[in-house]
């Protein structure tokens, strides 16, 4: 298994873009639970995709708007990435 899929606190899922989480009410109540749920829903896509890296692009286009998000696993502590 690739090093970026190790269990533990070093794995961080970063959310970018304007994509919402699966359940906005849950996200408002507890963003940690929402983030873990989103990670669980993307696990297979993160392991197998056209980028050969743990990242997923999502996008939706309607006549009224465009929406998208980038999801990636970064194998560094949040403090190191945040700086």
N, C-alpha and C. Protein backbone atom coordinates (compact mmCIF):
# COMPACT_ATOMS: atom_id res chain seq x y z
N UNK A 1 0.85 -1.17 0.00
CA UNK A 1 0.00 0.00 0.00
C UNK A 1 0.90 1.23 0.00
N UNK A 2 0.58 2.28 -0.80
CA UNK A 2 1.42 3.47 -0.85
C UNK A 2 1.53 4.15 0.52
N UNK A 3 2.63 4.85 0.72
CA UNK A 3 2.89 5.47 2.01
C UNK A 3 1.83 6.48 2.42
N UNK A 4 1.16 7.12 1.46
CA UNK A 4 0.19 8.14 1.83
C UNK A 4 -1.15 7.56 2.25
N UNK A 5 -1.30 6.25 2.30
CA UNK A 5 -2.52 5.63 2.79
C UNK A 5 -2.30 4.96 4.15
N UNK A 6 -1.20 5.31 4.83
CA UNK A 6 -0.95 4.78 6.16
C UNK A 6 -2.02 5.31 7.11
N UNK A 7 -2.47 4.47 8.03
CA UNK A 7 -3.38 4.99 9.04
C UNK A 7 -2.61 5.87 10.02
N UNK A 8 -3.29 6.71 10.71
CA UNK A 8 -2.65 7.54 11.72
C UNK A 8 -2.96 9.00 11.53
N UNK A 9 -2.40 9.81 12.42
CA UNK A 9 -2.70 11.24 12.41
C UNK A 9 -1.95 12.00 11.34
N UNK A 10 -0.98 11.39 10.68
CA UNK A 10 -0.24 12.12 9.66
C UNK A 10 -1.02 12.32 8.38
N UNK A 11 -2.06 11.49 8.21
CA UNK A 11 -2.85 11.64 6.98
C UNK A 11 -3.84 12.78 7.19
N UNK A 12 -3.81 13.70 6.31
CA UNK A 12 -4.73 14.83 6.38
C UNK A 12 -5.44 14.96 5.03
N UNK A 13 -6.70 15.22 5.13
CA UNK A 13 -7.48 15.44 3.92
C UNK A 13 -7.75 16.93 3.82
N UNK A 14 -7.33 17.55 2.75
CA UNK A 14 -7.55 18.97 2.56
C UNK A 14 -8.63 19.19 1.52
N UNK A 15 -9.50 20.06 1.83
CA UNK A 15 -10.59 20.37 0.91
C UNK A 15 -10.32 21.74 0.30
N UNK A 16 -10.41 21.83 -1.01
CA UNK A 16 -10.22 23.09 -1.72
C UNK A 16 -11.42 23.33 -2.61
N UNK A 17 -11.60 24.53 -3.05
CA UNK A 17 -12.67 24.85 -3.98
C UNK A 17 -13.97 25.17 -3.27
N UNK A 18 -15.02 25.09 -4.02
CA UNK A 18 -16.33 25.47 -3.51
C UNK A 18 -17.24 24.29 -3.31
N UNK A 19 -16.72 23.10 -3.43
CA UNK A 19 -17.57 21.91 -3.24
C UNK A 19 -17.99 21.81 -1.79
N UNK A 20 -19.22 21.50 -1.56
CA UNK A 20 -19.75 21.33 -0.21
C UNK A 20 -19.48 19.93 0.29
N UNK A 21 -19.70 19.72 1.55
CA UNK A 21 -19.58 18.38 2.10
C UNK A 21 -20.89 17.64 1.92
N UNK A 22 -20.88 16.36 2.20
CA UNK A 22 -22.04 15.52 1.94
C UNK A 22 -23.29 15.99 2.68
N UNK A 23 -23.13 16.49 3.86
CA UNK A 23 -24.30 16.90 4.65
C UNK A 23 -23.99 18.24 5.32
N UNK A 24 -24.47 19.37 4.79
CA UNK A 24 -24.15 20.68 5.37
C UNK A 24 -24.57 20.82 6.83
N UNK A 25 -25.69 20.22 7.22
CA UNK A 25 -26.12 20.32 8.61
C UNK A 25 -25.12 19.63 9.53
N UNK A 26 -24.62 18.48 9.11
CA UNK A 26 -23.63 17.75 9.89
C UNK A 26 -22.32 18.54 9.94
N UNK A 27 -21.96 19.15 8.83
CA UNK A 27 -20.73 19.93 8.79
C UNK A 27 -20.80 21.10 9.75
N UNK A 28 -21.95 21.76 9.83
CA UNK A 28 -22.10 22.87 10.75
C UNK A 28 -22.01 22.39 12.19
N UNK A 29 -22.53 21.21 12.46
CA UNK A 29 -22.51 20.68 13.82
C UNK A 29 -21.11 20.18 14.21
N UNK A 30 -20.45 19.45 13.34
CA UNK A 30 -19.13 18.91 13.65
C UNK A 30 -18.33 18.72 12.35
N UNK A 31 -17.47 19.68 12.01
CA UNK A 31 -16.71 19.59 10.76
C UNK A 31 -15.77 18.39 10.70
N UNK A 32 -15.31 17.91 11.85
CA UNK A 32 -14.42 16.74 11.87
C UNK A 32 -15.16 15.51 11.36
N UNK A 33 -16.39 15.32 11.83
CA UNK A 33 -17.20 14.18 11.37
C UNK A 33 -17.48 14.30 9.88
N UNK A 34 -17.80 15.50 9.42
CA UNK A 34 -18.08 15.72 8.00
C UNK A 34 -16.85 15.42 7.14
N UNK A 35 -15.68 15.86 7.60
CA UNK A 35 -14.44 15.63 6.86
C UNK A 35 -14.12 14.14 6.77
N UNK A 36 -14.28 13.43 7.88
CA UNK A 36 -14.03 11.99 7.87
C UNK A 36 -15.04 11.25 6.99
N UNK A 37 -16.28 11.69 6.98
CA UNK A 37 -17.30 11.07 6.12
C UNK A 37 -16.96 11.31 4.65
N UNK A 38 -16.51 12.51 4.32
CA UNK A 38 -16.13 12.80 2.93
C UNK A 38 -14.94 11.94 2.52
N UNK A 39 -13.96 11.82 3.41
CA UNK A 39 -12.80 10.98 3.13
C UNK A 39 -13.23 9.54 2.88
N UNK A 40 -14.12 9.03 3.72
CA UNK A 40 -14.61 7.66 3.56
C UNK A 40 -15.31 7.49 2.22
N UNK A 41 -16.06 8.49 1.79
CA UNK A 41 -16.78 8.38 0.52
C UNK A 41 -15.85 8.46 -0.69
N UNK A 42 -14.66 9.02 -0.50
CA UNK A 42 -13.71 9.18 -1.61
C UNK A 42 -12.57 8.16 -1.60
N UNK A 43 -12.54 7.26 -0.64
CA UNK A 43 -11.40 6.36 -0.47
C UNK A 43 -11.04 5.61 -1.74
N UNK A 44 -12.01 5.01 -2.39
CA UNK A 44 -11.72 4.24 -3.61
C UNK A 44 -11.20 5.14 -4.72
N UNK A 45 -11.81 6.31 -4.91
CA UNK A 45 -11.36 7.24 -5.94
C UNK A 45 -9.96 7.76 -5.65
N UNK A 46 -9.63 7.96 -4.38
CA UNK A 46 -8.29 8.44 -4.02
C UNK A 46 -7.23 7.39 -4.34
N UNK A 47 -7.58 6.11 -4.23
CA UNK A 47 -6.62 5.04 -4.48
C UNK A 47 -6.45 4.74 -5.96
N UNK A 48 -7.51 4.91 -6.75
CA UNK A 48 -7.45 4.59 -8.18
C UNK A 48 -8.04 5.75 -8.98
N UNK A 49 -7.16 6.49 -9.65
CA UNK A 49 -7.61 7.60 -10.49
C UNK A 49 -6.60 7.87 -11.58
N UNK A 50 -6.95 8.77 -12.48
CA UNK A 50 -6.09 9.07 -13.63
C UNK A 50 -4.83 9.83 -13.25
N UNK A 51 -4.75 10.38 -12.05
CA UNK A 51 -3.59 11.14 -11.63
C UNK A 51 -2.49 10.27 -11.02
N UNK A 52 -2.81 9.02 -10.68
CA UNK A 52 -1.88 8.13 -9.99
C UNK A 52 -1.35 8.75 -8.71
N UNK A 53 -2.18 9.54 -8.07
CA UNK A 53 -1.90 10.20 -6.80
C UNK A 53 -3.20 10.23 -6.00
N UNK A 54 -3.11 10.42 -4.71
CA UNK A 54 -4.34 10.47 -3.90
C UNK A 54 -5.04 11.82 -4.01
N UNK A 55 -5.61 12.09 -5.17
CA UNK A 55 -6.37 13.32 -5.36
C UNK A 55 -7.57 13.06 -6.26
N UNK A 56 -8.61 13.82 -6.03
CA UNK A 56 -9.86 13.66 -6.77
C UNK A 56 -10.37 15.04 -7.16
N UNK A 57 -10.80 15.18 -8.40
CA UNK A 57 -11.45 16.40 -8.86
C UNK A 57 -12.92 16.12 -9.06
N UNK A 58 -13.77 17.00 -8.55
CA UNK A 58 -15.20 16.90 -8.77
C UNK A 58 -15.67 18.20 -9.38
N UNK A 59 -16.57 18.12 -10.36
CA UNK A 59 -17.13 19.34 -10.91
C UNK A 59 -18.54 19.07 -11.41
N UNK A 60 -19.37 20.10 -11.32
CA UNK A 60 -20.75 20.04 -11.78
C UNK A 60 -21.03 21.35 -12.50
N UNK A 61 -21.60 21.24 -13.69
CA UNK A 61 -21.97 22.44 -14.43
C UNK A 61 -23.44 22.37 -14.79
N UNK A 62 -24.18 23.40 -14.44
CA UNK A 62 -25.59 23.53 -14.79
C UNK A 62 -25.75 24.85 -15.54
N UNK A 63 -26.89 25.09 -16.15
CA UNK A 63 -27.07 26.37 -16.84
C UNK A 63 -26.94 27.58 -15.90
N UNK A 64 -27.21 27.37 -14.61
CA UNK A 64 -27.16 28.48 -13.66
C UNK A 64 -25.79 28.70 -13.01
N UNK A 65 -24.98 27.64 -12.87
CA UNK A 65 -23.71 27.81 -12.17
C UNK A 65 -22.76 26.66 -12.45
N UNK A 66 -21.50 26.89 -12.04
CA UNK A 66 -20.47 25.86 -12.08
C UNK A 66 -19.96 25.69 -10.65
N UNK A 67 -19.67 24.46 -10.28
CA UNK A 67 -19.22 24.16 -8.92
C UNK A 67 -18.20 23.04 -8.99
N UNK A 68 -17.18 23.11 -8.14
CA UNK A 68 -16.18 22.06 -8.17
C UNK A 68 -15.38 22.01 -6.89
N UNK A 69 -14.59 20.96 -6.78
CA UNK A 69 -13.74 20.80 -5.62
C UNK A 69 -12.57 19.90 -5.93
N UNK A 70 -11.51 20.09 -5.18
CA UNK A 70 -10.31 19.26 -5.28
C UNK A 70 -10.08 18.65 -3.91
N UNK A 71 -9.94 17.35 -3.87
CA UNK A 71 -9.72 16.62 -2.62
C UNK A 71 -8.40 15.87 -2.76
N UNK A 72 -7.55 15.96 -1.72
CA UNK A 72 -6.25 15.30 -1.77
C UNK A 72 -5.83 14.85 -0.39
N UNK A 73 -5.06 13.78 -0.35
CA UNK A 73 -4.45 13.32 0.89
C UNK A 73 -3.02 13.84 0.90
N UNK A 74 -2.65 14.50 1.98
CA UNK A 74 -1.31 15.05 2.13
C UNK A 74 -0.68 14.37 3.34
N UNK A 75 0.44 13.69 3.13
CA UNK A 75 1.06 12.89 4.19
C UNK A 75 2.02 13.72 5.04
N UNK A 76 1.50 14.81 5.59
CA UNK A 76 2.26 15.67 6.48
C UNK A 76 1.33 16.12 7.60
N UNK A 77 1.86 16.42 8.77
CA UNK A 77 1.02 16.96 9.84
C UNK A 77 0.41 18.28 9.39
N UNK A 78 -0.79 18.58 9.86
CA UNK A 78 -1.47 19.79 9.45
C UNK A 78 -0.63 21.04 9.73
N UNK A 79 0.04 21.08 10.86
CA UNK A 79 0.87 22.23 11.20
C UNK A 79 1.95 22.51 10.17
N UNK A 80 2.55 21.47 9.60
CA UNK A 80 3.58 21.66 8.59
C UNK A 80 3.01 22.17 7.28
N UNK A 81 1.82 21.71 6.91
CA UNK A 81 1.19 22.13 5.67
C UNK A 81 0.61 23.53 5.81
N UNK A 82 0.07 23.83 6.99
CA UNK A 82 -0.57 25.11 7.25
C UNK A 82 0.41 26.26 7.14
N UNK A 83 1.66 26.06 7.58
CA UNK A 83 2.66 27.13 7.55
C UNK A 83 3.08 27.31 6.14
